[in-house]
């Protein structure tokens, strides 16, 4: 199994329990790790034989438009489910970092999904 990682992608989503926190998009950093077999892509040098990480990035940059979440847990679960459905990796791990507590560098939530 091989891995593709998108690390600390800056996105702006509306997330937070209080209405005021969800009123405006806030900066989050997303890390997405995809596990898949890309042996045929490494041999053929063809994008069709792997998962196009550029396409995932564009998808995630736009994903928050018109959406809001109260919990970071729900957001990462939604992102992981979307990636599993749209891009079909063997497994995915998604972590979101939120910068809401001044005394902490960040708060993060992570989830993993895999094919049965």
N, C-alpha and C. Protein backbone atom coordinates (compact mmCIF):
# COMPACT_ATOMS: atom_id res chain seq x y z
N UNK A 1 0.85 -1.18 0.00
CA UNK A 1 0.00 0.00 0.00
C UNK A 1 0.89 1.23 0.00
N UNK A 2 0.46 2.24 -0.71
CA UNK A 2 1.20 3.49 -0.81
C UNK A 2 0.34 4.62 -0.26
N UNK A 3 0.96 5.78 -0.07
CA UNK A 3 0.25 6.88 0.58
C UNK A 3 0.48 8.18 -0.17
N UNK A 4 -0.59 8.97 -0.26
CA UNK A 4 -0.53 10.35 -0.73
C UNK A 4 -0.99 11.21 0.44
N UNK A 5 -0.23 12.26 0.77
CA UNK A 5 -0.59 13.13 1.88
C UNK A 5 -0.70 14.58 1.41
N UNK A 6 -1.76 15.22 1.84
CA UNK A 6 -1.94 16.67 1.67
C UNK A 6 -1.87 17.23 3.08
N UNK A 7 -0.85 18.00 3.37
CA UNK A 7 -0.57 18.40 4.75
C UNK A 7 -0.85 19.89 4.97
N UNK A 8 -1.69 20.17 5.96
CA UNK A 8 -2.00 21.53 6.40
C UNK A 8 -2.53 22.42 5.27
N UNK A 9 -3.50 21.90 4.55
CA UNK A 9 -4.18 22.69 3.52
C UNK A 9 -5.03 23.76 4.20
N UNK A 10 -4.79 25.01 3.87
CA UNK A 10 -5.53 26.11 4.48
C UNK A 10 -6.89 26.26 3.80
N UNK A 11 -7.95 26.10 4.61
CA UNK A 11 -9.32 26.27 4.13
C UNK A 11 -10.04 27.22 5.08
N UNK A 12 -11.16 27.74 4.64
CA UNK A 12 -11.96 28.64 5.46
C UNK A 12 -13.39 28.10 5.49
N UNK A 13 -13.79 27.54 6.65
CA UNK A 13 -15.10 26.93 6.84
C UNK A 13 -15.77 27.56 8.05
N UNK A 14 -17.09 27.54 8.07
CA UNK A 14 -17.88 28.00 9.23
C UNK A 14 -18.07 26.81 10.17
N UNK A 15 -17.42 26.87 11.32
CA UNK A 15 -17.53 25.79 12.29
C UNK A 15 -17.45 26.34 13.70
N UNK A 16 -18.32 25.85 14.57
CA UNK A 16 -18.31 26.27 15.97
C UNK A 16 -19.67 26.10 16.59
N UNK A 17 -19.70 25.86 17.87
CA UNK A 17 -20.96 25.65 18.56
C UNK A 17 -21.78 26.94 18.64
N UNK A 18 -21.20 28.07 19.08
CA UNK A 18 -22.00 29.30 19.14
C UNK A 18 -22.31 29.83 17.73
N UNK A 19 -23.48 30.39 17.57
CA UNK A 19 -23.86 30.99 16.29
C UNK A 19 -22.85 32.02 15.82
N UNK A 20 -22.32 32.82 16.76
CA UNK A 20 -21.36 33.88 16.41
C UNK A 20 -20.09 33.29 15.79
N UNK A 21 -19.69 32.12 16.27
CA UNK A 21 -18.46 31.50 15.74
C UNK A 21 -18.68 30.98 14.32
N UNK A 22 -19.90 30.57 14.03
CA UNK A 22 -20.23 30.07 12.69
C UNK A 22 -20.63 31.17 11.73
N UNK A 23 -20.72 32.40 12.19
CA UNK A 23 -21.19 33.51 11.36
C UNK A 23 -20.25 33.82 10.21
N UNK A 24 -18.95 33.63 10.42
CA UNK A 24 -17.95 33.90 9.39
C UNK A 24 -17.03 32.70 9.25
N UNK A 25 -16.58 32.43 8.03
CA UNK A 25 -15.62 31.32 7.87
C UNK A 25 -14.35 31.60 8.67
N UNK A 26 -13.80 30.57 9.24
CA UNK A 26 -12.54 30.71 9.96
C UNK A 26 -11.48 29.79 9.37
N UNK A 27 -10.27 30.15 9.60
CA UNK A 27 -9.13 29.42 9.06
C UNK A 27 -8.97 28.08 9.77
N UNK A 28 -8.87 27.03 8.97
CA UNK A 28 -8.57 25.68 9.45
C UNK A 28 -7.44 25.14 8.61
N UNK A 29 -6.70 24.20 9.16
CA UNK A 29 -5.71 23.46 8.38
C UNK A 29 -6.15 22.01 8.32
N UNK A 30 -6.29 21.50 7.10
CA UNK A 30 -6.69 20.10 6.90
C UNK A 30 -5.49 19.28 6.45
N UNK A 31 -5.35 18.12 7.04
CA UNK A 31 -4.37 17.14 6.58
C UNK A 31 -5.15 15.90 6.16
N UNK A 32 -4.88 15.44 4.95
CA UNK A 32 -5.57 14.29 4.39
C UNK A 32 -4.51 13.29 3.96
N UNK A 33 -4.63 12.06 4.45
CA UNK A 33 -3.74 10.98 4.04
C UNK A 33 -4.57 9.90 3.36
N UNK A 34 -4.20 9.60 2.13
CA UNK A 34 -4.91 8.60 1.33
C UNK A 34 -4.01 7.39 1.16
N UNK A 35 -4.53 6.22 1.43
CA UNK A 35 -3.81 4.98 1.19
C UNK A 35 -4.42 4.28 0.00
N UNK A 36 -3.57 3.90 -0.93
CA UNK A 36 -4.02 3.25 -2.15
C UNK A 36 -2.84 2.56 -2.80
N UNK A 37 -3.14 1.72 -3.76
CA UNK A 37 -2.08 1.07 -4.53
C UNK A 37 -1.89 1.87 -5.81
N UNK A 38 -0.77 2.61 -5.88
CA UNK A 38 -0.52 3.36 -7.11
C UNK A 38 0.68 2.81 -7.88
N UNK A 39 0.90 1.51 -7.77
CA UNK A 39 1.98 0.85 -8.50
C UNK A 39 1.83 1.06 -10.01
N UNK A 40 0.62 0.87 -10.53
CA UNK A 40 0.44 1.03 -11.99
C UNK A 40 0.68 2.47 -12.42
N UNK A 41 0.38 3.44 -11.58
CA UNK A 41 0.67 4.84 -11.91
C UNK A 41 2.17 5.09 -11.91
N UNK A 42 2.89 4.47 -10.98
CA UNK A 42 4.34 4.69 -10.93
C UNK A 42 5.04 4.07 -12.14
N UNK A 43 4.44 3.04 -12.71
CA UNK A 43 5.00 2.41 -13.90
C UNK A 43 4.58 3.15 -15.16
N UNK A 44 3.30 3.49 -15.26
CA UNK A 44 2.77 4.08 -16.50
C UNK A 44 2.94 5.59 -16.58
N UNK A 45 3.12 6.25 -15.43
CA UNK A 45 3.22 7.72 -15.36
C UNK A 45 1.93 8.37 -15.87
N UNK A 46 0.79 7.74 -15.56
CA UNK A 46 -0.53 8.23 -16.00
C UNK A 46 -1.38 8.60 -14.79
N UNK A 47 -1.91 9.82 -14.81
CA UNK A 47 -2.73 10.33 -13.72
C UNK A 47 -3.99 9.48 -13.51
N UNK A 48 -4.50 8.87 -14.56
CA UNK A 48 -5.71 8.06 -14.47
C UNK A 48 -5.52 6.83 -13.58
N UNK A 49 -4.29 6.47 -13.31
CA UNK A 49 -3.99 5.27 -12.53
C UNK A 49 -3.81 5.55 -11.04
N UNK A 50 -4.05 6.80 -10.65
CA UNK A 50 -3.89 7.18 -9.25
C UNK A 50 -5.03 8.12 -8.87
N UNK A 51 -4.92 8.72 -7.70
CA UNK A 51 -5.89 9.73 -7.27
C UNK A 51 -5.26 11.10 -7.50
N UNK A 52 -5.96 11.96 -8.18
CA UNK A 52 -5.46 13.29 -8.51
C UNK A 52 -5.58 14.19 -7.28
N UNK A 53 -4.47 14.40 -6.58
CA UNK A 53 -4.53 15.20 -5.35
C UNK A 53 -4.86 16.65 -5.63
N UNK A 54 -4.55 17.15 -6.81
CA UNK A 54 -4.92 18.52 -7.17
C UNK A 54 -6.44 18.66 -7.19
N UNK A 55 -7.12 17.65 -7.71
CA UNK A 55 -8.58 17.65 -7.76
C UNK A 55 -9.16 17.64 -6.34
N UNK A 56 -8.57 16.86 -5.45
CA UNK A 56 -9.02 16.83 -4.05
C UNK A 56 -8.83 18.19 -3.41
N UNK A 57 -7.69 18.82 -3.64
CA UNK A 57 -7.43 20.14 -3.07
C UNK A 57 -8.49 21.14 -3.53
N UNK A 58 -8.77 21.17 -4.82
CA UNK A 58 -9.76 22.11 -5.34
C UNK A 58 -11.13 21.83 -4.72
N UNK A 59 -11.46 20.56 -4.57
CA UNK A 59 -12.72 20.15 -3.96
C UNK A 59 -12.79 20.65 -2.50
N UNK A 60 -11.73 20.44 -1.74
CA UNK A 60 -11.72 20.85 -0.33
C UNK A 60 -11.73 22.37 -0.16
N UNK A 61 -11.07 23.08 -1.05
CA UNK A 61 -11.06 24.54 -0.95
C UNK A 61 -12.48 25.10 -1.10
N UNK A 62 -13.30 24.45 -1.92
CA UNK A 62 -14.67 24.91 -2.15
C UNK A 62 -15.70 24.23 -1.24
N UNK A 63 -15.31 23.19 -0.55
CA UNK A 63 -16.27 22.36 0.18
C UNK A 63 -17.06 23.11 1.25
N UNK A 64 -16.47 24.10 1.87
CA UNK A 64 -17.15 24.83 2.94
C UNK A 64 -18.15 25.87 2.48
N UNK A 65 -18.16 26.18 1.20
CA UNK A 65 -19.07 27.22 0.71
C UNK A 65 -20.53 26.79 0.90
N UNK A 66 -21.27 27.62 1.64
CA UNK A 66 -22.67 27.35 1.87
C UNK A 66 -22.95 26.29 2.93
N UNK A 67 -21.91 25.86 3.64
CA UNK A 67 -22.07 24.85 4.67
C UNK A 67 -21.59 25.40 6.00
N UNK A 68 -22.11 24.80 7.07
CA UNK A 68 -21.58 25.10 8.40
C UNK A 68 -21.73 23.87 9.28
N UNK A 69 -20.87 23.78 10.25
CA UNK A 69 -20.86 22.67 11.19
C UNK A 69 -20.74 23.23 12.60
N UNK A 70 -21.40 22.60 13.55
CA UNK A 70 -21.20 22.97 14.94
C UNK A 70 -19.93 22.32 15.48
N UNK A 71 -19.73 21.06 15.13
CA UNK A 71 -18.61 20.31 15.69
C UNK A 71 -17.55 19.99 14.65
N UNK A 72 -16.31 20.13 15.05
CA UNK A 72 -15.17 19.75 14.21
C UNK A 72 -15.23 18.25 13.92
N UNK A 73 -15.76 17.48 14.86
CA UNK A 73 -15.89 16.04 14.66
C UNK A 73 -16.79 15.72 13.47
N UNK A 74 -17.87 16.44 13.32
CA UNK A 74 -18.79 16.24 12.20
C UNK A 74 -18.12 16.67 10.89
N UNK A 75 -17.41 17.78 10.92
CA UNK A 75 -16.73 18.27 9.73
C UNK A 75 -15.74 17.25 9.20
N UNK A 76 -14.84 16.71 10.06
CA UNK A 76 -13.83 15.76 9.57
C UNK A 76 -14.49 14.46 9.10
N UNK A 77 -15.57 14.05 9.75
CA UNK A 77 -16.29 12.86 9.30
C UNK A 77 -16.90 13.09 7.92
N UNK A 78 -17.48 14.26 7.70
CA UNK A 78 -18.06 14.59 6.38
C UNK A 78 -16.98 14.62 5.30
N UNK A 79 -15.83 15.22 5.60
CA UNK A 79 -14.74 15.29 4.62
C UNK A 79 -14.24 13.88 4.30
N UNK A 80 -14.03 13.06 5.32
CA UNK A 80 -13.55 11.69 5.10
C UNK A 80 -14.54 10.89 4.27
N UNK A 81 -15.82 11.01 4.58
CA UNK A 81 -16.84 10.28 3.82
C UNK A 81 -16.88 10.74 2.37
N UNK A 82 -16.75 12.03 2.16
CA UNK A 82 -16.75 12.57 0.79
C UNK A 82 -15.57 12.02 -0.01
N UNK A 83 -14.39 12.02 0.60
CA UNK A 83 -13.20 11.52 -0.10
C UNK A 83 -13.34 10.03 -0.41
N UNK A 84 -13.85 9.27 0.54
CA UNK A 84 -14.04 7.84 0.28
C UNK A 84 -15.01 7.61 -0.88
N UNK A 85 -16.08 8.40 -0.93
CA UNK A 85 -17.09 8.25 -1.97
C UNK A 85 -16.60 8.75 -3.33
N UNK A 86 -16.03 9.95 -3.35
CA UNK A 86 -15.65 10.59 -4.62
C UNK A 86 -14.36 10.03 -5.23
N UNK A 87 -13.37 9.69 -4.39
CA UNK A 87 -12.03 9.38 -4.91
C UNK A 87 -11.62 7.93 -4.70
N UNK A 88 -12.36 7.20 -3.87
CA UNK A 88 -12.23 5.76 -3.69
C UNK A 88 -10.84 5.26 -3.30
N UNK A 89 -10.19 5.86 -2.31
CA UNK A 89 -8.95 5.27 -1.81
C UNK A 89 -9.26 4.02 -1.00
N UNK A 90 -8.26 3.23 -0.66
CA UNK A 90 -8.46 2.09 0.24
C UNK A 90 -8.83 2.59 1.63
N UNK A 91 -8.16 3.68 2.05
CA UNK A 91 -8.49 4.30 3.33
C UNK A 91 -8.09 5.77 3.29
N UNK A 92 -8.65 6.51 4.23
CA UNK A 92 -8.33 7.93 4.33
C UNK A 92 -8.30 8.31 5.80
N UNK A 93 -7.40 9.22 6.13
CA UNK A 93 -7.37 9.84 7.46
C UNK A 93 -7.45 11.34 7.24
N UNK A 94 -8.31 12.00 8.00
CA UNK A 94 -8.49 13.45 7.88
C UNK A 94 -8.31 14.06 9.27
N UNK A 95 -7.49 15.11 9.33
CA UNK A 95 -7.32 15.86 10.56
C UNK A 95 -7.60 17.33 10.26
N UNK A 96 -8.33 17.98 11.14
CA UNK A 96 -8.58 19.42 11.02
C UNK A 96 -8.02 20.11 12.25
N UNK A 97 -7.28 21.18 12.01
CA UNK A 97 -6.72 22.00 13.09
C UNK A 97 -7.48 23.32 13.12
N UNK A 98 -7.91 23.70 14.33
CA UNK A 98 -8.69 24.92 14.53
C UNK A 98 -7.96 25.79 15.55
N UNK A 99 -7.96 27.09 15.32
CA UNK A 99 -7.17 28.02 16.12
C UNK A 99 -8.09 28.91 16.95
N UNK A 100 -8.76 28.30 17.92
CA UNK A 100 -9.83 28.99 18.64
C UNK A 100 -9.47 29.26 20.10
N UNK A 101 -8.50 28.56 20.64
CA UNK A 101 -8.12 28.73 22.04
C UNK A 101 -6.78 29.46 22.10
N UNK A 102 -6.77 30.69 22.59
CA UNK A 102 -5.54 31.50 22.58
C UNK A 102 -4.37 30.85 23.32
N UNK A 103 -4.64 30.07 24.34
CA UNK A 103 -3.58 29.46 25.13
C UNK A 103 -3.00 28.20 24.49
N UNK A 104 -3.60 27.72 23.43
CA UNK A 104 -3.13 26.51 22.75
C UNK A 104 -2.73 26.85 21.31
N UNK A 105 -1.76 26.16 20.79
CA UNK A 105 -1.37 26.37 19.39
C UNK A 105 -2.55 26.08 18.47
N UNK A 106 -3.23 24.96 18.72
CA UNK A 106 -4.45 24.61 17.98
C UNK A 106 -5.16 23.48 18.70
N UNK A 107 -6.40 23.25 18.27
CA UNK A 107 -7.18 22.09 18.67
C UNK A 107 -7.35 21.27 17.39
N UNK A 108 -7.20 19.96 17.49
CA UNK A 108 -7.39 19.15 16.28
C UNK A 108 -8.29 17.96 16.57
N UNK A 109 -8.95 17.54 15.51
CA UNK A 109 -9.79 16.35 15.52
C UNK A 109 -9.42 15.55 14.29
N UNK A 110 -9.33 14.23 14.45
CA UNK A 110 -8.96 13.37 13.33
C UNK A 110 -9.90 12.17 13.27
N UNK A 111 -10.08 11.67 12.06
CA UNK A 111 -10.91 10.48 11.84
C UNK A 111 -10.30 9.68 10.68
N UNK A 112 -10.54 8.39 10.70
CA UNK A 112 -10.08 7.51 9.62
C UNK A 112 -11.27 6.73 9.09
N UNK A 113 -11.21 6.41 7.82
CA UNK A 113 -12.20 5.57 7.17
C UNK A 113 -11.45 4.57 6.28
N UNK A 114 -12.00 3.37 6.14
CA UNK A 114 -11.39 2.40 5.24
C UNK A 114 -12.46 1.53 4.59
N UNK A 115 -12.10 0.94 3.47
CA UNK A 115 -13.01 0.05 2.75
C UNK A 115 -13.10 -1.26 3.51
N UNK A 116 -14.27 -1.83 3.51
CA UNK A 116 -14.47 -3.12 4.20
C UNK A 116 -14.07 -4.26 3.32
